[in-house]
Amino acid sequence: MSWLSMVWAQTRLNQTVLLRQRGMAFSVLLLPLFLAFVNTANARSQDLVNGVPATAFAAVGAIAVVFPFSYMTIATSIVVRREERVYKRLRGSALPTSAIFAGDILHATLVGAVQAVVILVYAVAVVDAPMPRNIPLMLLAFLLGAAVFAALAIGTAGFIPNYEVAQLVALPVLFISLVAAGVMFPLSMLPEWGQQISERLPLTPVVSILRTAFLGRDFAQEGAPAIDFLESFQVSAAGVGIGLLWIGLGLWLTRQYFRWDPRRA
């Protein structure tokens, strides 16, 4: 069996485990779409945020809702399989460690990608958001967000003792991400010190890059002036750097604290 086949088998195992946990499946599969639609519906099309309709601004930011739920998916699945000794059996098989992690990440990324497409179609078809200006940059933002929250999920799973606590840990990650990253309202509504903290959180640069790529504006400047295709990559470079730092932190936490054996063993 090739490495890719093993990764795909691990991905299907993740989906099977998720569907068996009905409450978790609802939270991961449907709740992100619900939050995205509610957040967009609360905006009024006649209002403007940095020169763009508030509904379009909210809808594009709502795409980033999928990443905290990706964190929930990966972290919870790791804890469940660790405590049920699934990982212990997998490590005794021919399945390499890289395939185990790759399957976890691929499953969460595919689920998030489907949800992001649904939100994107909703934004364009229902909310009348413009067509994306820079699709390659949008793909880069999505992959960056998926990588950041996958690395943090694997890195922090070692601190989580059981399935119930995993869900409790995911809630503040979700709340802080949505409130402080400018998903639910523009960062300009926060005080100066709050903006400085928010800009360094893991989801904020992803939201900023998504909005720049979709709407073709530099939201870091006063008035959010329009920018061209290449300029959108230039203004997003700092956000990519912040995301890479968070990925590095997640990898360091994984190396230091990840556990293969059950905590109750």
Protein backbone atom coordinates (compact mmCIF):
# COMPACT_ATOMS: atom_id res chain seq x y z
CA MET A 1 0.00 0.00 0.00
CA SER A 2 1.38 3.40 -0.98
CA TRP A 3 1.74 6.34 1.40
CA LEU A 4 -1.13 8.19 -0.31
CA SER A 5 -3.40 5.17 0.06
CA MET A 6 -2.62 5.01 3.77
CA VAL A 7 -3.34 8.72 4.14
CA TRP A 8 -6.68 8.31 2.39
CA ALA A 9 -7.56 5.33 4.60
CA GLN A 10 -6.78 7.42 7.67
CA THR A 11 -8.94 10.22 6.26
CA ARG A 12 -11.89 7.86 5.84
CA LEU A 13 -11.35 6.58 9.38
CA ASN A 14 -11.63 10.16 10.64
CA GLN A 15 -14.91 10.65 8.81
CA THR A 16 -16.29 7.39 10.19
CA VAL A 17 -15.35 8.34 13.75
CA LEU A 18 -16.88 11.80 13.29
CA LEU A 19 -20.21 10.51 11.99
CA ARG A 20 -20.54 8.08 14.91
CA GLN A 21 -20.44 11.02 17.32
CA ARG A 22 -23.69 12.75 16.38
CA GLY A 23 -23.28 15.79 18.58
CA MET A 24 -19.75 16.35 17.35
CA ALA A 25 -20.81 15.77 13.73
CA PHE A 26 -23.51 18.44 14.05
CA SER A 27 -21.06 20.92 15.57
CA VAL A 28 -18.38 20.32 12.95
CA LEU A 29 -20.50 19.91 9.81
CA LEU A 30 -23.48 22.24 10.26
CA LEU A 31 -22.68 24.78 12.97
CA PRO A 32 -20.02 26.65 10.91
CA LEU A 33 -22.55 27.17 8.11
CA PHE A 34 -25.18 28.35 10.58
CA LEU A 35 -22.81 30.86 12.19
CA ALA A 36 -21.66 32.12 8.80
CA PHE A 37 -25.21 32.67 7.55
CA VAL A 38 -26.34 34.34 10.79
CA ASN A 39 -23.30 36.62 10.84
CA THR A 40 -23.97 37.69 7.26
CA ALA A 41 -27.70 38.13 7.80
CA ASN A 42 -27.05 40.55 10.66
CA ALA A 43 -25.23 42.94 8.31
CA ARG A 44 -27.19 45.48 6.29
CA SER A 45 -26.48 45.85 2.58
CA GLN A 46 -26.92 49.65 2.66
CA ASP A 47 -24.15 50.04 5.26
CA LEU A 48 -20.54 50.39 4.12
CA VAL A 49 -17.40 49.05 5.82
CA ASN A 50 -14.22 50.57 4.41
CA GLY A 51 -15.97 51.33 1.17
CA VAL A 52 -17.58 47.93 0.58
CA PRO A 53 -21.12 46.74 1.44
CA ALA A 54 -21.33 45.40 4.99
CA THR A 55 -22.96 42.17 3.80
CA ALA A 56 -20.06 41.41 1.43
CA PHE A 57 -17.50 42.32 4.11
CA ALA A 58 -19.22 39.99 6.61
CA ALA A 59 -19.74 37.15 4.13
CA VAL A 60 -16.08 37.02 3.11
CA GLY A 61 -14.95 37.04 6.74
CA ALA A 62 -17.45 34.27 7.49
CA ILE A 63 -15.44 31.89 5.31
CA ALA A 64 -12.81 31.87 8.08
CA VAL A 65 -15.36 30.37 10.50
CA VAL A 66 -14.36 26.93 9.20
CA PHE A 67 -10.85 27.10 10.67
CA PRO A 68 -11.67 27.10 14.41
CA PHE A 69 -13.99 24.18 13.71
CA SER A 70 -11.12 22.46 11.91
CA TYR A 71 -9.18 22.86 15.16
CA MET A 72 -12.08 21.24 17.01
CA THR A 73 -12.23 18.34 14.56
CA ILE A 74 -8.54 17.51 14.68
CA ALA A 75 -7.98 18.04 18.40
CA THR A 76 -11.05 16.04 19.41
CA SER A 77 -10.35 13.16 17.04
CA ILE A 78 -6.77 12.92 18.30
CA VAL A 79 -7.88 12.83 21.93
CA VAL A 80 -10.59 10.22 21.23
CA ARG A 81 -8.24 7.87 19.38
CA ARG A 82 -5.49 8.35 21.94
CA GLU A 83 -7.74 7.58 24.92
CA GLU A 84 -9.33 4.59 23.13
CA ARG A 85 -5.83 3.27 22.36
CA VAL A 86 -6.38 3.47 18.63
CA TYR A 87 -3.10 5.35 18.24
CA LYS A 88 -1.32 2.69 20.26
CA ARG A 89 -2.50 0.04 17.79
CA LEU A 90 -1.75 2.20 14.76
CA ARG A 91 1.83 2.74 15.90
CA GLY A 92 2.27 -1.03 16.01
CA SER A 93 1.15 -1.32 12.39
CA ALA A 94 2.89 -0.48 9.12
CA LEU A 95 1.20 2.92 9.05
CA PRO A 96 3.88 5.65 9.32
CA THR A 97 3.45 8.56 11.72
CA SER A 98 3.39 11.05 8.85
CA ALA A 99 0.39 9.25 7.29
CA ILE A 100 -1.52 9.39 10.59
CA PHE A 101 -1.09 13.15 10.90
CA ALA A 102 -1.65 13.73 7.18
CA GLY A 103 -4.95 11.82 7.33
CA ASP A 104 -6.13 13.89 10.29
CA ILE A 105 -5.24 17.15 8.54
CA LEU A 106 -6.61 16.11 5.14
CA HIS A 107 -9.98 15.13 6.62
CA ALA A 108 -10.44 18.44 8.44
CA THR A 109 -9.21 20.39 5.41
CA LEU A 110 -11.62 18.66 3.03
CA VAL A 111 -14.56 19.27 5.37
CA GLY A 112 -13.56 22.92 5.71
CA ALA A 113 -13.09 23.28 1.95
CA VAL A 114 -16.62 22.05 1.24
CA GLN A 115 -18.03 24.42 3.86
CA ALA A 116 -15.98 27.33 2.48
CA VAL A 117 -17.30 26.70 -1.03
CA VAL A 118 -20.88 26.67 0.28
CA ILE A 119 -20.31 29.99 2.10
CA LEU A 120 -18.59 31.44 -0.97
CA VAL A 121 -21.50 30.50 -3.25
CA TYR A 122 -23.91 31.97 -0.71
CA ALA A 123 -21.90 35.20 -0.60
CA VAL A 124 -21.89 35.63 -4.38
CA ALA A 125 -25.37 34.32 -5.21
CA VAL A 126 -27.44 35.53 -2.25
CA VAL A 127 -25.55 38.41 -0.64
CA ASP A 128 -24.48 39.83 -4.03
CA ALA A 129 -20.82 39.94 -3.09
CA PRO A 130 -18.51 40.56 -6.08
CA MET A 131 -16.61 37.73 -7.69
CA PRO A 132 -13.20 37.10 -6.08
CA ARG A 133 -10.48 39.37 -7.44
CA ASN A 134 -7.51 37.11 -6.65
CA ILE A 135 -8.35 33.39 -6.51
CA PRO A 136 -4.70 32.19 -6.06
CA LEU A 137 -4.37 34.42 -2.99
CA MET A 138 -7.67 33.08 -1.63
CA LEU A 139 -6.36 29.53 -2.00
CA LEU A 140 -3.16 30.56 -0.24
CA ALA A 141 -5.17 32.08 2.62
CA PHE A 142 -7.27 28.92 2.95
CA LEU A 143 -4.23 26.64 3.02
CA LEU A 144 -2.53 28.94 5.52
CA GLY A 145 -5.56 28.90 7.82
CA ALA A 146 -5.89 25.12 7.55
CA ALA A 147 -2.19 24.64 8.33
CA VAL A 148 -2.20 27.07 11.28
CA PHE A 149 -5.15 25.48 13.06
CA ALA A 150 -4.05 21.93 12.23
CA ALA A 151 -0.63 22.59 13.76
CA LEU A 152 -2.19 24.18 16.85
CA ALA A 153 -4.71 21.34 17.21
CA ILE A 154 -2.04 18.64 17.12
CA GLY A 155 0.25 20.69 19.34
CA THR A 156 -2.33 21.34 22.05
CA ALA A 157 -3.91 17.85 22.00
CA GLY A 158 -1.26 16.67 24.45
CA PHE A 159 -2.70 18.98 27.13
CA ILE A 160 -6.28 17.71 26.71
CA PRO A 161 -7.13 14.75 28.99
CA ASN A 162 -10.37 13.46 27.43
CA TYR A 163 -13.13 13.99 24.87
CA GLU A 164 -15.33 16.17 27.11
CA VAL A 165 -12.48 18.56 27.92
CA ALA A 166 -11.55 18.70 24.22
CA GLN A 167 -14.92 20.25 23.43
CA LEU A 168 -14.57 22.72 26.31
CA VAL A 169 -11.12 23.75 25.08
CA ALA A 170 -12.45 24.26 21.55
CA LEU A 171 -15.15 26.70 22.68
CA PRO A 172 -12.84 29.53 23.83
CA VAL A 173 -10.69 28.98 20.72
CA LEU A 174 -13.83 29.43 18.62
CA PHE A 175 -15.13 32.43 20.57
CA ILE A 176 -11.82 34.31 20.72
CA SER A 177 -11.14 33.62 17.04
CA LEU A 178 -14.50 34.90 15.84
CA VAL A 179 -14.63 37.95 18.12
CA ALA A 180 -11.01 39.08 17.96
CA ALA A 181 -10.22 38.31 14.30
CA GLY A 182 -12.69 40.74 12.78
CA VAL A 183 -15.14 38.08 11.62
CA MET A 184 -18.16 39.36 13.52
CA PHE A 185 -17.27 43.07 13.28
CA PRO A 186 -14.41 45.22 11.87
CA LEU A 187 -11.26 45.40 13.96
CA SER A 188 -11.52 49.19 13.83
CA MET A 189 -14.32 48.94 16.41
CA LEU A 190 -11.81 47.69 18.99
CA PRO A 191 -9.58 50.03 21.03
CA GLU A 192 -6.02 50.52 19.82
CA TRP A 193 -4.54 48.00 22.26
CA GLY A 194 -7.22 45.47 21.31
CA GLN A 195 -6.41 45.88 17.63
CA GLN A 196 -2.72 45.29 18.26
CA ILE A 197 -3.43 42.06 20.14
CA SER A 198 -5.99 40.87 17.59
CA GLU A 199 -3.67 41.41 14.65
CA ARG A 200 -1.27 38.84 16.13
CA LEU A 201 -3.84 36.10 16.78
CA PRO A 202 -3.79 33.08 14.44
CA LEU A 203 -7.08 33.73 12.61
CA THR A 204 -6.73 37.49 12.05
CA PRO A 205 -4.14 37.40 9.23
CA VAL A 206 -6.17 34.70 7.46
CA VAL A 207 -9.31 36.85 7.55
CA SER A 208 -7.35 39.87 6.34
CA ILE A 209 -5.83 37.96 3.41
CA LEU A 210 -9.21 36.49 2.46
CA ARG A 211 -10.81 39.94 2.36
CA THR A 212 -7.90 41.41 0.41
CA ALA A 213 -8.03 38.58 -2.13
CA PHE A 214 -11.82 38.63 -2.47
CA LEU A 215 -12.51 42.35 -2.46
CA GLY A 216 -9.26 43.67 -3.92
CA ARG A 217 -8.62 46.24 -1.19
CA ASP A 218 -5.91 46.91 1.35
CA PHE A 219 -7.82 46.95 4.63
CA ALA A 220 -4.69 47.79 6.60
CA GLN A 221 -4.75 51.34 5.25
CA GLU A 222 -7.19 54.13 6.00
CA GLY A 223 -10.13 53.93 3.64
CA ALA A 224 -9.11 50.50 2.29
CA PRO A 225 -7.89 51.68 -1.13
CA ALA A 226 -8.29 49.40 -4.14
CA ILE A 227 -5.17 47.45 -5.14
CA ASP A 228 -4.24 45.34 -8.15
CA PHE A 229 -3.47 41.63 -8.43
CA LEU A 230 0.23 41.79 -7.54
CA GLU A 231 -0.19 44.43 -4.84
CA SER A 232 -2.61 42.11 -3.01
CA PHE A 233 0.22 39.60 -2.58
CA GLN A 234 2.55 42.32 -1.31
CA VAL A 235 0.15 43.61 1.36
CA SER A 236 -0.58 40.04 2.48
CA ALA A 237 3.08 39.14 3.09
CA ALA A 238 3.02 40.23 6.74
CA GLY A 239 -0.09 38.13 7.40
CA VAL A 240 1.58 35.09 5.86
CA GLY A 241 4.56 35.65 8.14
CA ILE A 242 2.35 35.74 11.24
CA GLY A 243 0.63 32.54 10.13
CA LEU A 244 3.98 30.80 9.65
CA LEU A 245 5.00 31.79 13.18
CA TRP A 246 1.84 30.16 14.57
CA ILE A 247 2.55 27.03 12.52
CA GLY A 248 6.04 26.96 14.00
CA LEU A 249 4.60 27.24 17.52
CA GLY A 250 2.19 24.36 16.82
CA LEU A 251 5.03 22.16 15.54
CA TRP A 252 7.13 22.96 18.61
CA LEU A 253 4.25 22.08 20.94
CA THR A 254 3.73 18.83 19.03
CA ARG A 255 7.38 17.88 19.43
CA GLN A 256 7.38 18.69 23.13
CA TYR A 257 4.00 17.53 24.41
CA PHE A 258 2.24 15.21 21.96
CA ARG A 259 1.25 11.89 23.58
CA TRP A 260 0.60 8.55 21.88
CA ASP A 261 -0.53 6.72 25.01
CA PRO A 262 -3.75 7.42 26.94
CA ARG A 263 -3.37 9.91 29.75
CA ARG A 264 -5.20 7.54 32.08
CA ALA A 265 -2.82 4.68 31.28
